[in-house]
Amino acid sequence: LYAALPRAIGIYFVDARGGGMATIRNIPANLGETNPVF
C-alpha cells in the first residue's frame, strides 16, 4: 500500500466478493486479468 506512493505502483485487490473461499478461487483468474509485475 505505502510503497506504491513514491513509485506510482498500481495495486489490484483480489476479488473478495462472496467471502473467503470465493477469494481463493478468484486468485488464478485475477492474476490472468491484471498481469502483475511482482
All heavy atoms as atom14 arrays in JSON, in Angstrom:
{
  "sequence": "LYAALPRAIGIYFVDARGGGMATIRNIPANLGETNPVF",
  "atom14_mask": [
    [1, 1, 1, 1, 1, 1, 1, 1, 0, 0, 0, 0, 0, 0],
    [1, 1, 1, 1, 1, 1, 1, 1, 1, 1, 1, 1, 0, 0],
    [1, 1, 1, 1, 1, 0, 0, 0, 0, 0, 0, 0, 0, 0],
    [1, 1, 1, 1, 1, 0, 0, 0, 0, 0, 0, 0, 0, 0],
    [1, 1, 1, 1, 1, 1, 1, 1, 0, 0, 0, 0, 0, 0],
    [1, 1, 1, 1, 1, 1, 1, 0, 0, 0, 0, 0, 0, 0],
    [1, 1, 1, 1, 1, 1, 1, 1, 1, 1, 1, 0, 0, 0],
    [1, 1, 1, 1, 1, 0, 0, 0, 0, 0, 0, 0, 0, 0],
    [1, 1, 1, 1, 1, 1, 1, 1, 0, 0, 0, 0, 0, 0],
    [1, 1, 1, 1, 0, 0, 0, 0, 0, 0, 0, 0, 0, 0],
    [1, 1, 1, 1, 1, 1, 1, 1, 0, 0, 0, 0, 0, 0],
    [1, 1, 1, 1, 1, 1, 1, 1, 1, 1, 1, 1, 0, 0],
    [1, 1, 1, 1, 1, 1, 1, 1, 1, 1, 1, 0, 0, 0],
    [1, 1, 1, 1, 1, 1, 1, 0, 0, 0, 0, 0, 0, 0],
    [1, 1, 1, 1, 1, 1, 1, 1, 0, 0, 0, 0, 0, 0],
    [1, 1, 1, 1, 1, 0, 0, 0, 0, 0, 0, 0, 0, 0],
    [1, 1, 1, 1, 1, 1, 1, 1, 1, 1, 1, 0, 0, 0],
    [1, 1, 1, 1, 0, 0, 0, 0, 0, 0, 0, 0, 0, 0],
    [1, 1, 1, 1, 0, 0, 0, 0, 0, 0, 0, 0, 0, 0],
    [1, 1, 1, 1, 0, 0, 0, 0, 0, 0, 0, 0, 0, 0],
    [1, 1, 1, 1, 1, 1, 1, 1, 0, 0, 0, 0, 0, 0],
    [1, 1, 1, 1, 1, 0, 0, 0, 0, 0, 0, 0, 0, 0],
    [1, 1, 1, 1, 1, 1, 1, 0, 0, 0, 0, 0, 0, 0],
    [1, 1, 1, 1, 1, 1, 1, 1, 0, 0, 0, 0, 0, 0],
    [1, 1, 1, 1, 1, 1, 1, 1, 1, 1, 1, 0, 0, 0],
    [1, 1, 1, 1, 1, 1, 1, 1, 0, 0, 0, 0, 0, 0],
    [1, 1, 1, 1, 1, 1, 1, 1, 0, 0, 0, 0, 0, 0],
    [1, 1, 1, 1, 1, 1, 1, 0, 0, 0, 0, 0, 0, 0],
    [1, 1, 1, 1, 1, 0, 0, 0, 0, 0, 0, 0, 0, 0],
    [1, 1, 1, 1, 1, 1, 1, 1, 0, 0, 0, 0, 0, 0],
    [1, 1, 1, 1, 1, 1, 1, 1, 0, 0, 0, 0, 0, 0],
    [1, 1, 1, 1, 0, 0, 0, 0, 0, 0, 0, 0, 0, 0],
    [1, 1, 1, 1, 1, 1, 1, 1, 1, 0, 0, 0, 0, 0],
    [1, 1, 1, 1, 1, 1, 1, 0, 0, 0, 0, 0, 0, 0],
    [1, 1, 1, 1, 1, 1, 1, 1, 0, 0, 0, 0, 0, 0],
    [1, 1, 1, 1, 1, 1, 1, 0, 0, 0, 0, 0, 0, 0],
    [1, 1, 1, 1, 1, 1, 1, 0, 0, 0, 0, 0, 0, 0],
    [1, 1, 1, 1, 1, 1, 1, 1, 1, 1, 1, 0, 0, 0]
  ],
  "atom14_positions": [
    [[0.8, -1.22, 0.0], [0.0, 0.0, 0.0], [0.84, 1.27, 0.0], [0.58, 2.2, -0.77], [-0.93, 0.01, 1.22], [-1.85, -1.19, 1.4], [-2.71, -1.01, 2.64], [-2.72, -1.4, 0.17], [0.0, 0.0, 0.0], [0.0, 0.0, 0.0], [0.0, 0.0, 0.0], [0.0, 0.0, 0.0], [0.0, 0.0, 0.0], [0.0, 0.0, 0.0]],
    [[1.85, 1.33, 0.87], [2.62, 2.57, 1.03], [3.75, 2.7, 0.02], [4.06, 3.8, -0.43], [3.16, 2.67, 2.45], [2.11, 2.91, 3.51], [2.39, 2.7, 4.86], [0.84, 3.36, 3.18], [1.44, 2.93, 5.84], [-0.12, 3.59, 4.14], [0.18, 3.37, 5.48], [-0.77, 3.59, 6.45], [0.0, 0.0, 0.0], [0.0, 0.0, 0.0]],
    [[4.4, 1.59, -0.34], [5.49, 1.66, -1.32], [4.98, 2.09, -2.69], [5.75, 2.55, -3.53], [6.21, 0.32, -1.43], [0.0, 0.0, 0.0], [0.0, 0.0, 0.0], [0.0, 0.0, 0.0], [0.0, 0.0, 0.0], [0.0, 0.0, 0.0], [0.0, 0.0, 0.0], [0.0, 0.0, 0.0], [0.0, 0.0, 0.0], [0.0, 0.0, 0.0]],
    [[3.68, 1.95, -2.9], [3.08, 2.39, -4.16], [3.17, 3.9, -4.34], [3.22, 4.41, -5.46], [1.62, 1.96, -4.23], [0.0, 0.0, 0.0], [0.0, 0.0, 0.0], [0.0, 0.0, 0.0], [0.0, 0.0, 0.0], [0.0, 0.0, 0.0], [0.0, 0.0, 0.0], [0.0, 0.0, 0.0], [0.0, 0.0, 0.0], [0.0, 0.0, 0.0]],
    [[3.23, 4.63, -3.23], [3.12, 6.09, -3.29], [4.31, 6.78, -3.96], [4.11, 7.6, -4.86], [2.89, 6.65, -1.89], [1.61, 6.16, -1.2], [1.55, 6.65, 0.24], [0.37, 6.64, -1.97], [0.0, 0.0, 0.0], [0.0, 0.0, 0.0], [0.0, 0.0, 0.0], [0.0, 0.0, 0.0], [0.0, 0.0, 0.0], [0.0, 0.0, 0.0]],
    [[5.55, 6.47, -3.6], [6.66, 7.19, -4.25], [6.98, 6.68, -5.66], [7.74, 7.32, -6.38], [7.85, 6.94, -3.3], [7.53, 5.67, -2.62], [6.03, 5.65, -2.48], [0.0, 0.0, 0.0], [0.0, 0.0, 0.0], [0.0, 0.0, 0.0], [0.0, 0.0, 0.0], [0.0, 0.0, 0.0], [0.0, 0.0, 0.0], [0.0, 0.0, 0.0]],
    [[6.4, 5.54, -6.07], [6.73, 4.99, -7.38], [5.52, 4.72, -8.26], [5.6, 4.05, -9.28], [7.52, 3.67, -7.21], [8.92, 3.84, -6.62], [9.83, 4.64, -7.55], [11.21, 4.63, -7.1], [11.73, 5.53, -6.26], [10.97, 6.49, -5.77], [13.01, 5.45, -5.91], [0.0, 0.0, 0.0], [0.0, 0.0, 0.0], [0.0, 0.0, 0.0]],
    [[4.37, 5.23, -7.86], [3.14, 5.1, -8.67], [2.85, 3.65, -9.05], [2.53, 3.34, -10.2], [3.24, 5.96, -9.93], [0.0, 0.0, 0.0], [0.0, 0.0, 0.0], [0.0, 0.0, 0.0], [0.0, 0.0, 0.0], [0.0, 0.0, 0.0], [0.0, 0.0, 0.0], [0.0, 0.0, 0.0], [0.0, 0.0, 0.0], [0.0, 0.0, 0.0]],
    [[2.95, 2.76, -8.09], [2.64, 1.34, -8.33], [1.12, 1.16, -8.28], [0.45, 1.68, -7.39], [3.31, 0.45, -7.26], [4.83, 0.59, -7.33], [2.9, -1.01, -7.43], [5.56, -0.07, -6.18], [0.0, 0.0, 0.0], [0.0, 0.0, 0.0], [0.0, 0.0, 0.0], [0.0, 0.0, 0.0], [0.0, 0.0, 0.0], [0.0, 0.0, 0.0]],
    [[0.58, 0.44, -9.24], [-0.85, 0.14, -9.26], [-1.15, -1.07, -8.39], [-0.53, -2.11, -8.54], [0.0, 0.0, 0.0], [0.0, 0.0, 0.0], [0.0, 0.0, 0.0], [0.0, 0.0, 0.0], [0.0, 0.0, 0.0], [0.0, 0.0, 0.0], [0.0, 0.0, 0.0], [0.0, 0.0, 0.0], [0.0, 0.0, 0.0], [0.0, 0.0, 0.0]],
    [[-2.1, -0.93, -7.46], [-2.46, -2.01, -6.54], [-3.83, -2.56, -6.92], [-4.85, -1.87, -6.82], [-2.52, -1.51, -5.08], [-1.22, -0.81, -4.68], [-2.84, -2.68, -4.14], [-0.03, -1.73, -4.53], [0.0, 0.0, 0.0], [0.0, 0.0, 0.0], [0.0, 0.0, 0.0], [0.0, 0.0, 0.0], [0.0, 0.0, 0.0], [0.0, 0.0, 0.0]],
    [[-3.85, -3.8, -7.38], [-5.11, -4.51, -7.63], [-5.41, -5.38, -6.42], [-4.51, -6.05, -5.89], [-5.0, -5.41, -8.87], [-4.88, -4.69, -10.18], [-3.65, -4.17, -10.61], [-5.98, -4.56, -11.03], [-3.54, -3.52, -11.83], [-5.87, -3.91, -12.24], [-4.64, -3.39, -12.65], [-4.53, -2.75, -13.85], [0.0, 0.0, 0.0], [0.0, 0.0, 0.0]],
    [[-6.66, -5.4, -5.99], [-7.04, -6.23, -4.85], [-7.77, -7.48, -5.35], [-8.63, -7.39, -6.23], [-7.95, -5.45, -3.9], [-7.25, -4.32, -3.21], [-7.43, -3.02, -3.64], [-6.39, -4.55, -2.15], [-6.78, -1.96, -3.03], [-5.72, -3.51, -1.53], [-5.91, -2.21, -1.97], [0.0, 0.0, 0.0], [0.0, 0.0, 0.0], [0.0, 0.0, 0.0]],
    [[-7.42, -8.62, -4.78], [-8.1, -9.86, -5.14], [-9.6, -9.69, -4.89], [-10.01, -9.12, -3.88], [-7.57, -11.04, -4.3], [-8.39, -12.3, -4.57], [-6.11, -11.32, -4.64], [0.0, 0.0, 0.0], [0.0, 0.0, 0.0], [0.0, 0.0, 0.0], [0.0, 0.0, 0.0], [0.0, 0.0, 0.0], [0.0, 0.0, 0.0], [0.0, 0.0, 0.0]],
    [[-10.39, -10.17, -5.82], [-11.84, -10.07, -5.72], [-12.33, -10.91, -4.54], [-12.29, -12.14, -4.58], [-12.48, -10.55, -7.02], [-13.98, -10.38, -7.04], [-14.54, -9.83, -6.08], [-14.61, -10.8, -8.04], [0.0, 0.0, 0.0], [0.0, 0.0, 0.0], [0.0, 0.0, 0.0], [0.0, 0.0, 0.0], [0.0, 0.0, 0.0], [0.0, 0.0, 0.0]],
    [[-12.76, -10.24, -3.47], [-13.17, -10.93, -2.24], [-14.68, -11.01, -2.09], [-15.17, -11.4, -1.03], [-12.56, -10.23, -1.03], [0.0, 0.0, 0.0], [0.0, 0.0, 0.0], [0.0, 0.0, 0.0], [0.0, 0.0, 0.0], [0.0, 0.0, 0.0], [0.0, 0.0, 0.0], [0.0, 0.0, 0.0], [0.0, 0.0, 0.0], [0.0, 0.0, 0.0]],
    [[-15.41, -10.64, -3.13], [-16.87, -10.71, -3.03], [-17.29, -12.16, -2.89], [-16.9, -13.01, -3.66], [-17.51, -10.08, -4.27], [-17.29, -8.57, -4.38], [-17.79, -8.04, -5.7], [-17.09, -8.62, -6.84], [-17.46, -8.5, -8.1], [-18.55, -7.81, -8.39], [-16.76, -9.05, -9.07], [0.0, 0.0, 0.0], [0.0, 0.0, 0.0], [0.0, 0.0, 0.0]],
    [[-18.09, -12.42, -1.87], [-18.53, -13.79, -1.63], [-17.8, -14.47, -0.49], [-18.14, -15.6, -0.13], [0.0, 0.0, 0.0], [0.0, 0.0, 0.0], [0.0, 0.0, 0.0], [0.0, 0.0, 0.0], [0.0, 0.0, 0.0], [0.0, 0.0, 0.0], [0.0, 0.0, 0.0], [0.0, 0.0, 0.0], [0.0, 0.0, 0.0], [0.0, 0.0, 0.0]],
    [[-16.81, -13.8, 0.09], [-16.14, -14.37, 1.25], [-14.84, -15.09, 0.96], [-14.3, -15.04, -0.16], [0.0, 0.0, 0.0], [0.0, 0.0, 0.0], [0.0, 0.0, 0.0], [0.0, 0.0, 0.0], [0.0, 0.0, 0.0], [0.0, 0.0, 0.0], [0.0, 0.0, 0.0], [0.0, 0.0, 0.0], [0.0, 0.0, 0.0], [0.0, 0.0, 0.0]],
    [[-14.33, -15.79, 1.99], [-13.0, -16.38, 1.95], [-12.76, -17.39, 0.85], [-11.76, -17.32, 0.13], [0.0, 0.0, 0.0], [0.0, 0.0, 0.0], [0.0, 0.0, 0.0], [0.0, 0.0, 0.0], [0.0, 0.0, 0.0], [0.0, 0.0, 0.0], [0.0, 0.0, 0.0], [0.0, 0.0, 0.0], [0.0, 0.0, 0.0], [0.0, 0.0, 0.0]],
    [[-13.66, -18.37, 0.7], [-13.46, -19.4, -0.32], [-13.53, -18.81, -1.72], [-12.78, -19.21, -2.61], [-14.5, -20.52, -0.15], [-14.34, -21.32, 1.13], [-12.65, -21.99, 1.32], [-12.55, -23.08, -0.09], [0.0, 0.0, 0.0], [0.0, 0.0, 0.0], [0.0, 0.0, 0.0], [0.0, 0.0, 0.0], [0.0, 0.0, 0.0], [0.0, 0.0, 0.0]],
    [[-14.43, -17.86, -1.92], [-14.54, -17.21, -3.22], [-13.26, -16.44, -3.54], [-12.8, -16.42, -4.69], [-15.74, -16.26, -3.23], [0.0, 0.0, 0.0], [0.0, 0.0, 0.0], [0.0, 0.0, 0.0], [0.0, 0.0, 0.0], [0.0, 0.0, 0.0], [0.0, 0.0, 0.0], [0.0, 0.0, 0.0], [0.0, 0.0, 0.0], [0.0, 0.0, 0.0]],
    [[-12.67, -15.83, -2.51], [-11.42, -15.09, -2.7], [-10.32, -16.0, -3.22], [-9.61, -15.66, -4.17], [-10.98, -14.45, -1.37], [-12.02, -13.62, -0.86], [-9.71, -13.62, -1.56], [0.0, 0.0, 0.0], [0.0, 0.0, 0.0], [0.0, 0.0, 0.0], [0.0, 0.0, 0.0], [0.0, 0.0, 0.0], [0.0, 0.0, 0.0], [0.0, 0.0, 0.0]],
    [[-10.19, -17.17, -2.6], [-9.16, -18.13, -3.01], [-9.39, -18.58, -4.45], [-8.46, -18.68, -5.26], [-9.14, -19.34, -2.05], [-8.69, -18.88, -0.65], [-8.22, -20.44, -2.57], [-8.82, -19.93, 0.42], [0.0, 0.0, 0.0], [0.0, 0.0, 0.0], [0.0, 0.0, 0.0], [0.0, 0.0, 0.0], [0.0, 0.0, 0.0], [0.0, 0.0, 0.0]],
    [[-10.65, -18.85, -4.78], [-10.98, -19.3, -6.15], [-10.7, -18.21, -7.18], [-10.4, -18.51, -8.34], [-12.44, -19.73, -6.22], [-12.76, -21.04, -5.51], [-14.13, -21.56, -5.93], [-15.19, -20.61, -5.62], [-15.88, -20.61, -4.48], [-15.6, -21.5, -3.55], [-16.85, -19.73, -4.28], [0.0, 0.0, 0.0], [0.0, 0.0, 0.0], [0.0, 0.0, 0.0]],
    [[-10.8, -16.96, -6.76], [-10.64, -15.85, -7.71], [-9.18, -15.52, -8.02], [-8.91, -14.81, -9.0], [-11.32, -14.58, -7.15], [-12.83, -14.67, -7.19], [-13.4, -15.4, -8.0], [-13.49, -13.95, -6.31], [0.0, 0.0, 0.0], [0.0, 0.0, 0.0], [0.0, 0.0, 0.0], [0.0, 0.0, 0.0], [0.0, 0.0, 0.0], [0.0, 0.0, 0.0]],
    [[-8.24, -16.0, -7.22], [-6.83, -15.62, -7.4], [-6.31, -15.97, -8.8], [-5.73, -15.09, -9.47], [-5.94, -16.24, -6.31], [-6.24, -15.58, -4.95], [-4.45, -16.07, -6.64], [-5.53, -16.22, -3.77], [0.0, 0.0, 0.0], [0.0, 0.0, 0.0], [0.0, 0.0, 0.0], [0.0, 0.0, 0.0], [0.0, 0.0, 0.0], [0.0, 0.0, 0.0]],
    [[-6.46, -17.21, -9.29], [-5.91, -17.52, -10.62], [-6.48, -16.63, -11.73], [-5.72, -16.12, -12.57], [-6.32, -18.99, -10.83], [-6.47, -19.54, -9.45], [-7.05, -18.41, -8.66], [0.0, 0.0, 0.0], [0.0, 0.0, 0.0], [0.0, 0.0, 0.0], [0.0, 0.0, 0.0], [0.0, 0.0, 0.0], [0.0, 0.0, 0.0], [0.0, 0.0, 0.0]],
    [[-7.79, -16.41, -11.71], [-8.41, -15.56, -12.73], [-7.92, -14.12, -12.62], [-7.63, -13.46, -13.62], [-9.93, -15.61, -12.63], [0.0, 0.0, 0.0], [0.0, 0.0, 0.0], [0.0, 0.0, 0.0], [0.0, 0.0, 0.0], [0.0, 0.0, 0.0], [0.0, 0.0, 0.0], [0.0, 0.0, 0.0], [0.0, 0.0, 0.0], [0.0, 0.0, 0.0]],
    [[-7.83, -13.62, -11.38], [-7.38, -12.24, -11.17], [-5.94, -12.04, -11.61], [-5.58, -10.97, -12.13], [-7.52, -11.85, -9.71], [-8.96, -11.71, -9.24], [-9.23, -11.58, -8.04], [-9.91, -11.74, -10.18], [0.0, 0.0, 0.0], [0.0, 0.0, 0.0], [0.0, 0.0, 0.0], [0.0, 0.0, 0.0], [0.0, 0.0, 0.0], [0.0, 0.0, 0.0]],
    [[-5.09, -13.06, -11.44], [-3.71, -12.98, -11.92], [-3.68, -12.81, -13.43], [-2.94, -11.98, -13.96], [-2.93, -14.23, -11.51], [-2.49, -14.33, -10.05], [-2.0, -15.75, -9.73], [-1.4, -13.32, -9.74], [0.0, 0.0, 0.0], [0.0, 0.0, 0.0], [0.0, 0.0, 0.0], [0.0, 0.0, 0.0], [0.0, 0.0, 0.0], [0.0, 0.0, 0.0]],
    [[-4.5, -13.59, -14.13], [-4.55, -13.5, -15.59], [-5.13, -12.19, -16.09], [-4.74, -11.69, -17.14], [0.0, 0.0, 0.0], [0.0, 0.0, 0.0], [0.0, 0.0, 0.0], [0.0, 0.0, 0.0], [0.0, 0.0, 0.0], [0.0, 0.0, 0.0], [0.0, 0.0, 0.0], [0.0, 0.0, 0.0], [0.0, 0.0, 0.0], [0.0, 0.0, 0.0]],
    [[-6.05, -11.6, -15.31], [-6.69, -10.34, -15.71], [-5.8, -9.12, -15.47], [-5.85, -8.15, -16.23], [-7.99, -10.16, -14.91], [-9.07, -11.17, -15.26], [-10.17, -11.22, -14.21], [-10.02, -10.6, -13.14], [-11.18, -11.9, -14.46], [0.0, 0.0, 0.0], [0.0, 0.0, 0.0], [0.0, 0.0, 0.0], [0.0, 0.0, 0.0], [0.0, 0.0, 0.0]],
    [[-4.98, -9.18, -14.42], [-4.22, -7.99, -14.03], [-2.76, -8.01, -14.47], [-2.12, -6.97, -14.53], [-4.27, -7.81, -12.5], [-3.66, -8.95, -11.86], [-5.71, -7.67, -12.03], [0.0, 0.0, 0.0], [0.0, 0.0, 0.0], [0.0, 0.0, 0.0], [0.0, 0.0, 0.0], [0.0, 0.0, 0.0], [0.0, 0.0, 0.0], [0.0, 0.0, 0.0]],
    [[-2.21, -9.2, -14.75], [-0.81, -9.34, -15.2], [0.16, -8.54, -14.32], [0.82, -7.6, -14.79], [-0.68, -8.89, -16.66], [-1.4, -9.82, -17.61], [-1.19, -11.03, -17.58], [-2.26, -9.27, -18.46], [0.0, 0.0, 0.0], [0.0, 0.0, 0.0], [0.0, 0.0, 0.0], [0.0, 0.0, 0.0], [0.0, 0.0, 0.0], [0.0, 0.0, 0.0]],
    [[0.28, -8.91, -13.04], [1.17, -8.16, -12.15], [2.64, -8.28, -12.55], [3.06, -9.29, -13.11], [0.93, -8.81, -10.79], [0.45, -10.19, -11.11], [-0.36, -10.04, -12.36], [0.0, 0.0, 0.0], [0.0, 0.0, 0.0], [0.0, 0.0, 0.0], [0.0, 0.0, 0.0], [0.0, 0.0, 0.0], [0.0, 0.0, 0.0], [0.0, 0.0, 0.0]],
    [[3.41, -7.23, -12.25], [4.86, -7.25, -12.49], [5.55, -7.99, -11.34], [6.54, -8.67, -11.54], [5.41, -5.81, -12.61], [6.94, -5.81, -12.67], [4.82, -5.14, -13.85], [0.0, 0.0, 0.0], [0.0, 0.0, 0.0], [0.0, 0.0, 0.0], [0.0, 0.0, 0.0], [0.0, 0.0, 0.0], [0.0, 0.0, 0.0], [0.0, 0.0, 0.0]],
    [[4.99, -7.87, -10.14], [5.55, -8.58, -8.98], [4.41, -8.95, -8.03], [3.3, -8.41, -8.12], [6.59, -7.72, -8.25], [6.01, -6.55, -7.5], [5.73, -6.63, -6.14], [5.74, -5.36, -8.15], [5.19, -5.56, -5.45], [5.21, -4.26, -7.48], [4.93, -4.37, -6.12], [0.0, 0.0, 0.0], [0.0, 0.0, 0.0], [0.0, 0.0, 0.0]]
  ]
}
